[in-house]
């Protein structure tokens, strides 16, 4: 499960998860309110969660997309089910999200979006290690 609003990153995440094999599928949310409303039912089958923090509305008329911290707060009130990766460049909020998970007993790691190909070169190897591939 991924919270991400950038189309280029979403395509890169789709390619990365596709490279893991047919046993894995990707669910993407572009805003925090929708993710918190919908992700509860999917948690039992989730092997990894990856969250951005800063989200941009799709258009000027779109509702506020919220933040990754809202999702972290929501998930931290549930039993840990899988590792979490924080892939946000927002350094300050990254640690707020990290603490929400850590204090609730979740395994949480940070993979900052550094470089043009960070999803393939940094995020994907971390995912493979976390899910045991």
Protein backbone atom coordinates (compact mmCIF):
# COMPACT_ATOMS: atom_id res chain seq x y z
CA UNK A 1 0.00 0.00 0.00
CA UNK A 2 1.39 3.37 -1.02
CA UNK A 3 0.43 6.97 -0.37
CA UNK A 4 1.79 9.02 -3.26
CA UNK A 5 0.45 11.85 -5.42
CA UNK A 6 3.15 12.18 -8.09
CA UNK A 7 2.35 10.40 -11.39
CA UNK A 8 5.99 9.73 -12.27
CA UNK A 9 6.65 8.20 -8.87
CA UNK A 10 3.48 6.12 -9.06
CA UNK A 11 4.62 4.66 -12.40
CA UNK A 12 8.05 3.93 -10.91
CA UNK A 13 6.44 2.22 -7.90
CA UNK A 14 4.27 0.16 -10.28
CA UNK A 15 7.36 -1.00 -12.19
CA UNK A 16 9.20 -1.76 -8.95
CA UNK A 17 6.38 -3.79 -7.44
CA UNK A 18 5.85 -5.54 -10.79
CA UNK A 19 9.45 -6.71 -10.63
CA UNK A 20 8.72 -8.54 -7.37
CA UNK A 21 6.59 -11.11 -9.19
CA UNK A 22 2.96 -12.00 -9.61
CA UNK A 23 2.41 -12.70 -5.90
CA UNK A 24 2.51 -8.95 -5.21
CA UNK A 25 0.09 -6.21 -6.16
CA UNK A 26 0.10 -2.48 -5.55
CA UNK A 27 -2.62 -0.31 -4.09
CA UNK A 28 -2.03 3.45 -4.40
CA UNK A 29 -3.85 6.31 -2.75
CA UNK A 30 -3.32 9.95 -3.71
CA UNK A 31 -4.82 11.47 -0.58
CA UNK A 32 -4.83 10.72 3.13
CA UNK A 33 -8.60 10.83 3.79
CA UNK A 34 -9.34 8.23 1.12
CA UNK A 35 -6.49 6.00 2.24
CA UNK A 36 -7.59 6.06 5.87
CA UNK A 37 -11.18 5.34 4.84
CA UNK A 38 -10.28 2.42 2.57
CA UNK A 39 -7.08 0.77 3.77
CA UNK A 40 -8.43 -0.90 6.91
CA UNK A 41 -9.90 -3.85 5.02
CA UNK A 42 -6.66 -4.38 3.08
CA UNK A 43 -4.32 -4.42 6.09
CA UNK A 44 -4.63 -8.17 6.71
CA UNK A 45 -3.19 -8.88 3.24
CA UNK A 46 -0.57 -6.13 3.25
CA UNK A 47 3.15 -6.93 3.35
CA UNK A 48 4.44 -3.34 3.21
CA UNK A 49 3.23 0.25 3.49
CA UNK A 50 5.10 3.20 1.99
CA UNK A 51 4.08 6.79 2.75
CA UNK A 52 4.84 10.22 1.39
CA UNK A 53 4.00 13.23 3.55
CA UNK A 54 3.41 16.28 1.39
CA UNK A 55 0.47 15.77 -0.94
CA UNK A 56 -0.73 18.16 -3.63
CA UNK A 57 -4.39 18.42 -4.72
CA UNK A 58 -5.11 17.09 -8.22
CA UNK A 59 -6.63 20.43 -9.17
CA UNK A 60 -7.58 23.77 -7.65
CA UNK A 61 -11.09 22.39 -7.10
CA UNK A 62 -9.91 19.20 -5.36
CA UNK A 63 -10.36 18.81 -1.63
CA UNK A 64 -7.38 19.01 0.72
CA UNK A 65 -5.39 15.78 0.23
CA UNK A 66 -4.16 15.75 3.82
CA UNK A 67 -0.73 14.44 4.74
CA UNK A 68 1.14 11.24 5.37
CA UNK A 69 1.20 12.12 9.06
CA UNK A 70 -2.58 11.71 9.15
CA UNK A 71 -2.21 8.20 7.75
CA UNK A 72 0.60 7.43 10.21
CA UNK A 73 -1.59 8.55 13.10
CA UNK A 74 -4.48 6.43 11.79
CA UNK A 75 -2.34 3.31 11.32
CA UNK A 76 -0.52 3.72 14.62
CA UNK A 77 -3.83 3.12 16.41
CA UNK A 78 -3.93 -0.37 14.89
CA UNK A 79 -1.90 -3.48 15.55
CA UNK A 80 1.32 -3.58 13.51
CA UNK A 81 0.87 -5.84 10.49
CA UNK A 82 3.87 -5.12 8.28
CA UNK A 83 6.91 -2.88 7.86
CA UNK A 84 6.50 0.75 6.86
CA UNK A 85 8.75 2.85 4.65
CA UNK A 86 8.61 6.62 4.80
CA UNK A 87 9.61 7.99 1.39
CA UNK A 88 9.06 11.69 2.02
CA UNK A 89 11.55 14.48 1.51
CA UNK A 90 9.94 16.46 4.33
CA UNK A 91 12.63 15.91 6.94
CA UNK A 92 10.73 17.37 9.89
CA UNK A 93 7.46 15.54 9.27
CA UNK A 94 9.31 12.35 8.38
CA UNK A 95 10.39 12.10 12.00
CA UNK A 96 6.89 12.87 13.27
CA UNK A 97 5.58 10.01 11.14
CA UNK A 98 8.46 7.77 12.22
CA UNK A 99 7.69 8.38 15.89
CA UNK A 100 3.98 7.62 15.44
CA UNK A 101 4.86 4.18 14.12
CA UNK A 102 7.79 3.49 16.41
CA UNK A 103 5.89 4.33 19.60
CA UNK A 104 3.06 2.04 18.44
CA UNK A 105 5.43 -0.89 17.88
CA UNK A 106 5.54 -0.83 14.07
CA UNK A 107 8.75 -1.52 12.15
CA UNK A 108 9.49 1.71 10.28
CA UNK A 109 12.32 2.75 7.99
CA UNK A 110 13.18 5.83 5.98
CA UNK A 111 14.11 5.79 2.30
CA UNK A 112 14.52 9.41 1.24
CA UNK A 113 13.80 10.30 -2.39
CA UNK A 114 17.34 11.13 -3.43
CA UNK A 115 18.33 11.01 -7.11
CA UNK A 116 16.33 10.37 -10.24
CA UNK A 117 16.09 6.59 -9.90
CA UNK A 118 15.75 6.26 -6.12
CA UNK A 119 12.69 4.01 -6.26
CA UNK A 120 14.58 1.32 -8.18
CA UNK A 121 17.99 1.88 -6.63
CA UNK A 122 17.12 2.56 -2.96
CA UNK A 123 13.47 1.86 -2.23
CA UNK A 124 13.15 -1.49 -4.05
CA UNK A 125 16.21 -3.13 -2.42
CA UNK A 126 14.89 -2.05 0.99
CA UNK A 127 11.48 -3.50 0.15
CA UNK A 128 13.05 -6.80 -0.92
CA UNK A 129 14.93 -7.02 2.38
CA UNK A 130 11.90 -6.12 4.48
CA UNK A 131 9.59 -8.66 2.87
CA UNK A 132 12.24 -11.38 2.70
CA UNK A 133 13.00 -11.59 -1.02
